[in-house]
PDB file of N, CA and C in Angstrom:
ATOM      1  N   MET A   1       0.795  -1.135  -0.063  1.00  0.00           N
ATOM      2  CA  MET A   1      -0.040   0.000  -0.031  1.00  0.00           C
ATOM      3  C   MET A   1       0.914   1.231   0.101  1.00  0.00           C
ATOM      4  N   ASN A   2       0.944   1.930  -1.064  1.00  0.00           N
ATOM      5  CA  ASN A   2       1.864   3.110  -1.143  1.00  0.00           C
ATOM      6  C   ASN A   2       1.000   4.358  -1.105  1.00  0.00           C
ATOM      7  N   LEU A   3       1.386   5.247  -0.252  1.00  0.00           N
ATOM      8  CA  LEU A   3       0.523   6.434  -0.341  1.00  0.00           C
ATOM      9  C   LEU A   3       1.422   7.630  -0.991  1.00  0.00           C
ATOM     10  N   GLY A   4       0.672   8.112  -1.941  1.00  0.00           N
ATOM     11  CA  GLY A   4       1.268   9.151  -2.671  1.00  0.00           C
ATOM     12  C   GLY A   4       1.198  10.600  -2.103  1.00  0.00           C
ATOM     13  N   PRO A   5       1.662  11.596  -2.700  1.00  0.00           N
ATOM     14  CA  PRO A   5       1.427  12.949  -2.168  1.00  0.00           C
ATOM     15  C   PRO A   5       0.049  13.351  -2.116  1.00  0.00           C
ATOM     16  N   LEU A   6      -0.768  12.917  -2.993  1.00  0.00           N
ATOM     17  CA  LEU A   6      -2.260  13.362  -2.985  1.00  0.00           C
ATOM     18  C   LEU A   6      -2.909  12.687  -1.806  1.00  0.00           C
ATOM     19  N   GLU A   7      -2.700  11.478  -1.430  1.00  0.00           N
ATOM     20  CA  GLU A   7      -3.239  10.708  -0.383  1.00  0.00           C
ATOM     21  C   GLU A   7      -2.884  11.455   0.935  1.00  0.00           C
ATOM     22  N   ILE A   8      -1.595  11.640   1.174  1.00  0.00           N
ATOM     23  CA  ILE A   8      -1.015  12.354   2.413  1.00  0.00           C
ATOM     24  C   ILE A   8      -1.634  13.618   2.482  1.00  0.00           C
ATOM     25  N   GLY A   9      -1.815  14.361   1.428  1.00  0.00           N
ATOM     26  CA  GLY A   9      -2.453  15.796   1.560  1.00  0.00           C
ATOM     27  C   GLY A   9      -3.864  15.633   1.953  1.00  0.00           C
ATOM     28  N   LEU A  10      -4.665  14.637   1.475  1.00  0.00           N
ATOM     29  CA  LEU A  10      -5.959  14.481   1.878  1.00  0.00           C
ATOM     30  C   LEU A  10      -6.241  14.042   3.330  1.00  0.00           C
ATOM     31  N   ILE A  11      -5.188  13.138   3.850  1.00  0.00           N
ATOM     32  CA  ILE A  11      -5.184  12.825   5.238  1.00  0.00           C
ATOM     33  C   ILE A  11      -4.919  14.054   6.133  1.00  0.00           C
ATOM     34  N   ILE A  12      -3.937  14.890   5.764  1.00  0.00           N
ATOM     35  CA  ILE A  12      -3.604  16.123   6.542  1.00  0.00           C
ATOM     36  C   ILE A  12      -4.817  17.113   6.535  1.00  0.00           C
ATOM     37  N   LEU A  13      -5.495  17.154   5.329  1.00  0.00           N
ATOM     38  CA  LEU A  13      -6.687  18.124   5.281  1.00  0.00           C
ATOM     39  C   LEU A  13      -7.827  17.437   6.238  1.00  0.00           C
ATOM     40  N   ALA A  14      -8.021  16.179   6.203  1.00  0.00           N
ATOM     41  CA  ALA A  14      -9.030  15.616   7.030  1.00  0.00           C
ATOM     42  C   ALA A  14      -8.876  15.893   8.566  1.00  0.00           C
ATOM     43  N   VAL A  15      -7.524  15.741   8.965  1.00  0.00           N
ATOM     44  CA  VAL A  15      -7.095  15.988  10.317  1.00  0.00           C
ATOM     45  C   VAL A  15      -7.328  17.338  10.689  1.00  0.00           C
ATOM     46  N   LEU A  16      -7.014  18.286   9.941  1.00  0.00           N
ATOM     47  CA  LEU A  16      -7.099  19.730  10.037  1.00  0.00           C
ATOM     48  C   LEU A  16      -8.578  20.128  10.235  1.00  0.00           C
ATOM     49  N   LEU A  17      -9.476  19.341   9.420  1.00  0.00           N
ATOM     50  CA  LEU A  17     -10.977  19.699   9.454  1.00  0.00           C
ATOM     51  C   LEU A  17     -11.530  19.159  10.613  1.00  0.00           C
ATOM     52  N   LEU A  18     -11.094  17.913  11.196  1.00  0.00           N
ATOM     53  CA  LEU A  18     -11.635  17.389  12.263  1.00  0.00           C
ATOM     54  C   LEU A  18     -11.408  18.113  13.567  1.00  0.00           C
ATOM     55  N   PHE A  19      -9.931  18.391  13.735  1.00  0.00           N
ATOM     56  CA  PHE A  19      -9.451  18.932  15.005  1.00  0.00           C
ATOM     57  C   PHE A  19      -9.387  20.389  15.005  1.00  0.00           C
ATOM     58  N   GLY A  20      -9.141  21.035  13.964  1.00  0.00           N
ATOM     59  CA  GLY A  20      -8.849  22.420  13.874  1.00  0.00           C
ATOM     60  C   GLY A  20      -7.386  22.844  13.974  1.00  0.00           C
ATOM     61  N   TYR A  21      -7.057  23.721  13.384  1.00  0.00           N
ATOM     62  CA  TYR A  21      -5.491  24.056  13.479  1.00  0.00           C
ATOM     63  C   TYR A  21      -5.118  24.625  14.855  1.00  0.00           C
ATOM     64  N   LYS A  22      -6.062  25.146  15.687  1.00  0.00           N
ATOM     65  CA  LYS A  22      -5.657  25.592  16.953  1.00  0.00           C
ATOM     66  C   LYS A  22      -5.422  24.277  17.895  1.00  0.00           C
ATOM     67  N   LYS A  23      -6.130  23.334  17.839  1.00  0.00           N
ATOM     68  CA  LYS A  23      -6.013  22.300  18.751  1.00  0.00           C
ATOM     69  C   LYS A  23      -4.913  21.168  18.474  1.00  0.00           C
ATOM     70  N   LEU A  24      -4.406  21.261  17.214  1.00  0.00           N
ATOM     71  CA  LEU A  24      -3.346  20.266  16.847  1.00  0.00           C
ATOM     72  C   LEU A  24      -2.113  20.443  17.595  1.00  0.00           C
ATOM     73  N   PRO A  25      -1.538  21.493  17.963  1.00  0.00           N
ATOM     74  CA  PRO A  25      -0.270  21.568  18.824  1.00  0.00           C
ATOM     75  C   PRO A  25      -0.625  20.946  20.126  1.00  0.00           C
ATOM     76  N   ASP A  26      -1.807  21.278  20.770  1.00  0.00           N
ATOM     77  CA  ASP A  26      -2.066  20.648  22.137  1.00  0.00           C
ATOM     78  C   ASP A  26      -2.262  19.123  21.971  1.00  0.00           C
ATOM     79  N   ALA A  27      -2.873  18.770  20.916  1.00  0.00           N
ATOM     80  CA  ALA A  27      -3.152  17.202  20.738  1.00  0.00           C
ATOM     81  C   ALA A  27      -1.650  16.649  20.620  1.00  0.00           C
ATOM     82  N   SER A  28      -0.792  17.177  19.705  1.00  0.00           N
ATOM     83  CA  SER A  28       0.509  16.536  19.504  1.00  0.00           C
ATOM     84  C   SER A  28       1.275  16.563  20.720  1.00  0.00           C
ATOM     85  N   ARG A  29       1.221  17.616  21.618  1.00  0.00           N
ATOM     86  CA  ARG A  29       1.844  17.718  22.839  1.00  0.00           C
ATOM     87  C   ARG A  29       1.395  16.663  23.734  1.00  0.00           C
ATOM     88  N   SER A  30       0.126  16.352  23.842  1.00  0.00           N
ATOM     89  CA  SER A  30      -0.471  15.534  24.758  1.00  0.00           C
ATOM     90  C   SER A  30       0.009  13.959  24.290  1.00  0.00           C
ATOM     91  N   LEU A  31       0.000  13.809  23.055  1.00  0.00           N
ATOM     92  CA  LEU A  31       0.406  12.477  22.487  1.00  0.00           C
ATOM     93  C   LEU A  31       1.992  12.357  22.957  1.00  0.00           C
ATOM     94  N   GLY A  32       2.695  13.232  22.724  1.00  0.00           N
ATOM     95  CA  GLY A  32       4.139  13.159  23.032  1.00  0.00           C
ATOM     96  C   GLY A  32       4.434  12.756  24.554  1.00  0.00           C
ATOM     97  N   ARG A  33       3.529  13.497  25.346  1.00  0.00           N
ATOM     98  CA  ARG A  33       3.718  13.251  26.783  1.00  0.00           C
ATOM     99  C   ARG A  33       3.240  11.782  27.145  1.00  0.00           C
ATOM    100  N   SER A  34       2.187  11.367  26.533  1.00  0.00           N
ATOM    101  CA  SER A  34       1.666   9.892  26.703  1.00  0.00           C
ATOM    102  C   SER A  34       2.817   8.927  26.318  1.00  0.00           C
ATOM    103  N   LEU A  35       3.322   9.108  25.191  1.00  0.00           N
ATOM    104  CA  LEU A  35       4.373   8.248  24.641  1.00  0.00           C
ATOM    105  C   LEU A  35       5.546   8.245  25.631  1.00  0.00           C
ATOM    106  N   ARG A  36       5.978   9.392  26.132  1.00  0.00           N
ATOM    107  CA  ARG A  36       7.164   9.493  26.985  1.00  0.00           C
ATOM    108  C   ARG A  36       6.746   8.671  28.385  1.00  0.00           C
ATOM    109  N   ILE A  37       5.528   8.944  28.834  1.00  0.00           N
ATOM    110  CA  ILE A  37       5.274   8.195  29.979  1.00  0.00           C
ATOM    111  C   ILE A  37       5.213   6.614  29.913  1.00  0.00           C
ATOM    112  N   PHE A  38       4.772   6.250  28.616  1.00  0.00           N
ATOM    113  CA  PHE A  38       4.647   4.881  28.449  1.00  0.00           C
ATOM    114  C   PHE A  38       5.946   4.251  28.176  1.00  0.00           C
ATOM    115  N   LYS A  39       6.903   4.879  27.528  1.00  0.00           N
ATOM    116  CA  LYS A  39       8.396   4.568  27.607  1.00  0.00           C
ATOM    117  C   LYS A  39       9.031   4.368  28.798  1.00  0.00           C
ATOM    118  N   GLY A  40       8.675   5.361  29.740  1.00  0.00           N
ATOM    119  CA  GLY A  40       9.416   5.331  30.977  1.00  0.00           C
ATOM    120  C   GLY A  40       8.751   4.162  31.924  1.00  0.00           C
ATOM    121  N   GLU A  41       7.538   3.922  31.662  1.00  0.00           N
ATOM    122  CA  GLU A  41       6.915   2.730  32.454  1.00  0.00           C
ATOM    123  C   GLU A  41       7.576   1.439  31.974  1.00  0.00           C
ATOM    124  N   MET A  42       7.728   1.224  30.806  1.00  0.00           N
ATOM    125  CA  MET A  42       8.390   0.054  30.105  1.00  0.00           C
ATOM    126  C   MET A  42       9.687  -0.048  30.565  1.00  0.00           C
ATOM    127  N   LYS A  43      10.473   1.085  30.680  1.00  0.00           N
ATOM    128  CA  LYS A  43      11.941   0.889  31.059  1.00  0.00           C
ATOM    129  C   LYS A  43      11.879   0.432  32.481  1.00  0.00           C
ATOM    130  N   GLY A  44      10.870   1.168  33.350  1.00  0.00           N
ATOM    131  CA  GLY A  44      10.858   0.752  34.692  1.00  0.00           C
ATOM    132  C   GLY A  44      10.516  -0.809  34.951  1.00  0.00           C
ATOM    133  N   MET A  45       9.672  -1.274  34.130  1.00  0.00           N
ATOM    134  CA  MET A  45       9.405  -2.774  34.278  1.00  0.00           C
ATOM    135  C   MET A  45      10.621  -3.594  33.814  1.00  0.00           C
ATOM    136  N   ARG A  46      11.477  -3.229  32.774  1.00  0.00           N
ATOM    137  CA  ARG A  46      12.553  -3.991  32.422  1.00  0.00           C
ATOM    138  C   ARG A  46      13.687  -3.788  33.618  1.00  0.00           C
ATOM    139  N   ASP A  47      13.771  -2.678  34.246  1.00  0.00           N
ATOM    140  CA  ASP A  47      14.715  -2.592  35.500  1.00  0.00           C
ATOM    141  C   ASP A  47      14.163  -3.309  36.634  1.00  0.00           C
ATOM    142  N   ASP A  48      12.952  -3.274  36.894  1.00  0.00           N
ATOM    143  CA  ASP A  48      12.493  -4.243  37.934  1.00  0.00           C
ATOM    144  C   ASP A  48      12.745  -5.663  37.623  1.00  0.00           C
ATOM    145  N   ASP A  49      12.673  -6.173  36.458  1.00  0.00           N
ATOM    146  CA  ASP A  49      12.975  -7.462  36.154  1.00  0.00           C
ATOM    147  C   ASP A  49      14.471  -7.841  36.238  1.00  0.00           C
ATOM    148  N   ALA A  50      15.278  -6.790  35.908  1.00  0.00           N
ATOM    149  CA  ALA A  50      16.765  -6.978  36.065  1.00  0.00           C
ATOM    150  C   ALA A  50      17.133  -7.000  37.571  1.00  0.00           C
ATOM    151  N   ARG A  51      16.455  -6.184  38.454  1.00  0.00           N
ATOM    152  CA  ARG A  51      16.896  -6.086  39.782  1.00  0.00           C
ATOM    153  C   ARG A  51      16.404  -7.279  40.631  1.00  0.00           C
ATOM    154  N   ALA A  52      15.530  -8.103  40.006  1.00  0.00           N
ATOM    155  CA  ALA A  52      14.995  -9.159  40.814  1.00  0.00           C
ATOM    156  C   ALA A  52      16.083 -10.082  41.341  1.00  0.00           C
ATOM    157  N   VAL A  53      16.139 -10.323  42.583  1.00  0.00           N
ATOM    158  CA  VAL A  53      17.214 -11.109  43.170  1.00  0.00           C
ATOM    159  C   VAL A  53      16.851 -12.672  43.138  1.00  0.00           C
ATOM    160  N   PRO A  54      17.772 -13.338  42.605  1.00  0.00           N
ATOM    161  CA  PRO A  54      17.420 -14.892  42.555  1.00  0.00           C
ATOM    162  C   PRO A  54      17.382 -15.484  44.020  1.00  0.00           C
ATOM    163  N   PRO A  55      16.665 -16.495  44.060  1.00  0.00           N
ATOM    164  CA  PRO A  55      16.505 -17.132  45.558  1.00  0.00           C
ATOM    165  C   PRO A  55      17.882 -17.614  46.062  1.00  0.00           C
ATOM    166  N   ALA A  56      18.291 -17.475  47.268  1.00  0.00           N
ATOM    167  CA  ALA A  56      19.474 -17.880  47.728  1.00  0.00           C
ATOM    168  C   ALA A  56      19.536 -19.390  47.826  1.00  0.00           C
ATOM    169  N   PRO A  57      20.590 -20.069  47.556  1.00  0.00           N
ATOM    170  CA  PRO A  57      20.814 -21.457  47.565  1.00  0.00           C
ATOM    171  C   PRO A  57      20.568 -21.858  48.960  1.00  0.00           C
ATOM    172  N   ALA A  58      20.115 -23.226  49.034  1.00  0.00           N
ATOM    173  CA  ALA A  58      20.018 -23.741  50.335  1.00  0.00           C
ATOM    174  C   ALA A  58      21.420 -24.092  51.113  1.00  0.00           C
ATOM    175  N   THR A  59      21.417 -23.514  52.298  1.00  0.00           N
ATOM    176  CA  THR A  59      22.776 -23.661  53.101  1.00  0.00           C
ATOM    177  C   THR A  59      22.542 -24.801  54.079  1.00  0.00           C
ATOM    178  N   PRO A  60      23.586 -25.077  54.583  1.00  0.00           N
ATOM    179  CA  PRO A  60      23.457 -26.231  55.657  1.00  0.00           C
ATOM    180  C   PRO A  60      22.684 -25.692  56.899  1.00  0.00           C
ATOM    181  N   ALA A  61      22.746 -24.497  57.307  1.00  0.00           N
ATOM    182  CA  ALA A  61      21.806 -23.974  58.371  1.00  0.00           C
ATOM    183  C   ALA A  61      20.291 -24.090  57.969  1.00  0.00           C
ATOM    184  N   VAL A  62      20.045 -23.971  56.728  1.00  0.00           N
ATOM    185  CA  VAL A  62      18.572 -24.092  56.288  1.00  0.00           C
ATOM    186  C   VAL A  62      18.316 -25.483  56.358  1.00  0.00           C
ATOM    187  N   LEU A  63      18.998 -26.407  56.032  1.00  0.00           N
ATOM    188  CA  LEU A  63      18.835 -27.824  56.008  1.00  0.00           C
ATOM    189  C   LEU A  63      18.633 -28.348  57.569  1.00  0.00           C
ATOM    190  N   GLN A  64      19.517 -27.805  58.373  1.00  0.00           N
ATOM    191  CA  GLN A  64      19.518 -28.096  59.861  1.00  0.00           C
ATOM    192  C   GLN A  64      18.237 -27.629  60.364  1.00  0.00           C
ATOM    193  N   ALA A  65      17.529 -26.647  59.838  1.00  0.00           N
ATOM    194  CA  ALA A  65      16.197 -26.118  60.365  1.00  0.00           C
ATOM    195  C   ALA A  65      15.198 -26.967  60.102  1.00  0.00           C
ATOM    196  N   ALA A  66      15.345 -27.799  58.914  1.00  0.00           N
ATOM    197  CA  ALA A  66      14.267 -28.597  58.549  1.00  0.00           C
ATOM    198  C   ALA A  66      13.901 -29.669  59.472  1.00  0.00           C
ATOM    199  N   ASP A  67      12.695 -30.030  59.464  1.00  0.00           N
ATOM    200  CA  ASP A  67      12.346 -31.114  60.522  1.00  0.00           C
ATOM    201  C   ASP A  67      13.051 -32.485  60.186  1.00  0.00           C
ATOM    202  N   ALA A  68      12.924 -33.414  61.153  1.00  0.00           N
ATOM    203  CA  ALA A  68      13.760 -34.679  61.152  1.00  0.00           C
ATOM    204  C   ALA A  68      13.069 -35.536  60.078  1.00  0.00           C
ATOM    205  N   ASP A  69      11.939 -35.489  59.924  1.00  0.00           N
ATOM    206  CA  ASP A  69      11.339 -36.526  58.770  1.00  0.00           C
ATOM    207  C   ASP A  69      11.770 -36.035  57.438  1.00  0.00           C
ATOM    208  N   ARG A  70      11.871 -34.802  57.109  1.00  0.00           N
ATOM    209  CA  ARG A  70      12.306 -34.347  55.831  1.00  0.00           C
ATOM    210  C   ARG A  70      13.899 -34.655  55.644  1.00  0.00           C
ATOM    211  N   ARG A  71      14.760 -34.492  56.722  1.00  0.00           N
ATOM    212  CA  ARG A  71      16.003 -34.763  56.608  1.00  0.00           C
ATOM    213  C   ARG A  71      16.223 -36.272  56.465  1.00  0.00           C
ATOM    214  N   ALA A  72      15.476 -37.120  57.190  1.00  0.00           N
ATOM    215  CA  ALA A  72      15.567 -38.539  57.012  1.00  0.00           C
ATOM    216  C   ALA A  72      15.234 -38.890  55.516  1.00  0.00           C
ATOM    217  N   GLN A  73      14.209 -38.454  54.986  1.00  0.00           N
ATOM    218  CA  GLN A  73      13.747 -38.791  53.590  1.00  0.00           C
ATOM    219  C   GLN A  73      14.914 -38.361  52.654  1.00  0.00           C
ATOM    220  N   LEU A  74      15.574 -37.163  52.820  1.00  0.00           N
ATOM    221  CA  LEU A  74      16.624 -36.809  51.999  1.00  0.00           C
ATOM    222  C   LEU A  74      17.826 -37.750  52.089  1.00  0.00           C
ATOM    223  N   GLU A  75      18.144 -38.087  53.356  1.00  0.00           N
ATOM    224  CA  GLU A  75      19.259 -39.068  53.408  1.00  0.00           C
ATOM    225  C   GLU A  75      18.901 -40.424  52.861  1.00  0.00           C
ATOM    226  N   ALA A  76      17.720 -40.906  52.922  1.00  0.00           N
ATOM    227  CA  ALA A  76      17.420 -42.188  52.312  1.00  0.00           C
ATOM    228  C   ALA A  76      17.478 -41.936  50.754  1.00  0.00           C
ATOM    229  N   GLU A  77      17.021 -40.973  50.213  1.00  0.00           N
ATOM    230  CA  GLU A  77      17.082 -40.746  48.740  1.00  0.00           C
ATOM    231  C   GLU A  77      18.640 -40.672  48.313  1.00  0.00           C
ATOM    232  N   ALA A  78      19.414 -39.929  49.137  1.00  0.00           N
ATOM    233  CA  ALA A  78      20.797 -39.948  48.792  1.00  0.00           C
ATOM    234  C   ALA A  78      21.533 -41.325  48.950  1.00  0.00           C
ATOM    235  N   ALA A  79      21.160 -42.162  49.886  1.00  0.00           N
ATOM    236  CA  ALA A  79      21.779 -43.556  49.913  1.00  0.00           C
ATOM    237  C   ALA A  79      21.149 -44.290  48.787  1.00  0.00           C
ATOM    238  N   ALA A  80      20.143 -44.093  48.332  1.00  0.00           N
ATOM    239  CA  ALA A  80      19.543 -44.987  47.247  1.00  0.00           C
ATOM    240  C   ALA A  80      20.373 -44.582  45.960  1.00  0.00           C
ATOM    241  N   ALA A  81      20.518 -43.325  45.829  1.00  0.00           N
ATOM    242  CA  ALA A  81      21.317 -42.821  44.712  1.00  0.00           C
ATOM    243  C   ALA A  81      22.853 -43.223  44.646  1.00  0.00           C
ATOM    244  N   GLU A  82      23.339 -43.243  45.749  1.00  0.00           N
ATOM    245  CA  GLU A  82      24.737 -43.793  45.935  1.00  0.00           C
ATOM    246  C   GLU A  82      24.876 -45.352  45.540  1.00  0.00           C
ATOM    247  N   ALA A  83      23.773 -45.988  45.984  1.00  0.00           N
ATOM    248  CA  ALA A  83      23.794 -47.482  45.731  1.00  0.00           C
ATOM    249  C   ALA A  83      23.623 -47.728  44.262  1.00  0.00           C
ATOM    250  N   ARG A  84      22.860 -46.870  43.667  1.00  0.00           N
ATOM    251  CA  ARG A  84      22.518 -47.099  42.171  1.00  0.00           C
ATOM    252  C   ARG A  84      23.849 -46.685  41.544  1.00  0.00           C
ATOM    253  N   ALA A  85      24.433 -45.696  41.825  1.00  0.00           N
ATOM    254  CA  ALA A  85      25.766 -45.191  41.241  1.00  0.00           C
ATOM    255  C   ALA A  85      26.809 -46.408  41.349  1.00  0.00           C
ATOM    256  N   ALA A  86      26.868 -47.045  42.525  1.00  0.00           N
ATOM    257  CA  ALA A  86      27.941 -48.055  42.774  1.00  0.00           C
ATOM    258  C   ALA A  86      27.489 -49.259  41.896  1.00  0.00           C
ATOM    259  N   GLU A  87      26.212 -49.518  41.812  1.00  0.00           N
ATOM    260  CA  GLU A  87      25.928 -50.698  40.985  1.00  0.00           C
ATOM    261  C   GLU A  87      26.150 -50.296  39.407  1.00  0.00           C
ATOM    262  N   LEU A  88      26.019 -49.150  38.963  1.00  0.00           N
ATOM    263  CA  LEU A  88      26.368 -48.788  37.645  1.00  0.00           C
ATOM    264  C   LEU A  88      27.981 -48.809  37.358  1.00  0.00           C
ATOM    265  N   ARG A  89      28.692 -48.325  38.431  1.00  0.00           N
ATOM    266  CA  ARG A  89      30.169 -48.434  38.322  1.00  0.00           C
ATOM    267  C   ARG A  89      30.650 -49.913  38.227  1.00  0.00           C
ATOM    268  N   ALA A  90      29.939 -50.825  38.903  1.00  0.00           N
ATOM    269  CA  ALA A  90      30.403 -52.287  39.062  1.00  0.00           C
ATOM    270  C   ALA A  90      29.930 -52.835  37.588  1.00  0.00           C
ATOM    271  N   ARG A  91      28.850 -52.446  37.065  1.00  0.00           N
ATOM    272  CA  ARG A  91      28.551 -53.006  35.791  1.00  0.00           C
ATOM    273  C   ARG A  91      29.550 -52.565  34.736  1.00  0.00           C
ATOM    274  N   ALA A  92      29.901 -51.308  34.738  1.00  0.00           N
ATOM    275  CA  ALA A  92      30.907 -50.745  33.894  1.00  0.00           C
ATOM    276  C   ALA A  92      32.263 -51.311  33.875  1.00  0.00           C
ATOM    277  N   ALA A  93      32.549 -51.776  35.174  1.00  0.00           N
ATOM    278  CA  ALA A  93      33.943 -52.359  35.318  1.00  0.00           C
ATOM    279  C   ALA A  93      34.080 -53.710  34.903  1.00  0.00           C
ATOM    280  N   GLN A  94      32.912 -54.427  34.655  1.00  0.00           N
ATOM    281  CA  GLN A  94      32.875 -55.802  34.184  1.00  0.00           C
ATOM    282  C   GLN A  94      33.461 -55.973  32.862  1.00  0.00           C
ATOM    283  N   PRO A  95      34.293 -56.971  32.554  1.00  0.00           N
ATOM    284  CA  PRO A  95      34.729 -56.999  31.237  1.00  0.00           C
ATOM    285  C   PRO A  95      33.657 -57.447  30.345  1.00  0.00           C
ATOM    286  N   GLY A  96      33.600 -56.982  29.061  1.00  0.00           N
ATOM    287  CA  GLY A  96      32.612 -57.376  28.165  1.00  0.00           C
ATOM    288  C   GLY A  96      31.241 -56.563  28.259  1.00  0.00           C
ATOM    289  N   ALA A  97      31.203 -55.459  29.244  1.00  0.00           N
ATOM    290  CA  ALA A  97      30.082 -54.792  29.471  1.00  0.00           C
ATOM    291  C   ALA A  97      29.756 -53.911  28.176  1.00  0.00           C
ATOM    292  N   ALA A  98      30.839 -53.421  27.566  1.00  0.00           N
ATOM    293  CA  ALA A  98      30.480 -52.504  26.307  1.00  0.00           C
ATOM    294  C   ALA A  98      30.071 -53.413  25.253  1.00  0.00           C
ATOM    295  N   ASP A  99      30.552 -54.645  25.218  1.00  0.00           N
ATOM    296  CA  ASP A  99      30.036 -55.552  24.035  1.00  0.00           C
ATOM    297  C   ASP A  99      28.573 -55.953  24.122  1.00  0.00           C
ATOM    298  N   ALA A 100      28.060 -55.880  25.245  1.00  0.00           N
ATOM    299  CA  ALA A 100      26.700 -56.459  25.518  1.00  0.00           C
ATOM    300  C   ALA A 100      25.727 -55.553  24.897  1.00  0.00           C
ATOM    301  N   ARG A 101      26.074 -54.220  24.634  1.00  0.00           N
ATOM    302  CA  ARG A 101      25.240 -53.229  24.087  1.00  0.00           C
ATOM    303  C   ARG A 101      25.115 -53.491  22.511  1.00  0.00           C
TER     304      ARG A 101
END
């Protein structure tokens, strides 16, 4: 869609007829202020996202504060994972383990 000089002139004439030449500077000033406010708010939102602090990693003090049931559950899961890792290491150490695949 190409706008030639005639179409642009008709659009300008229509705007002048609708708003009048006295109100156009106020309207454009108001539009400029609105855009400036909008840009400032968008920049503020981006800055807020950048300043968001990531959650602190769990420290031993936090884990000590956890109740005994949760701590026991975590220890059981860790023991199961260690047993599984030991089993996998043992399988990998067996001769011919790579040929079975």
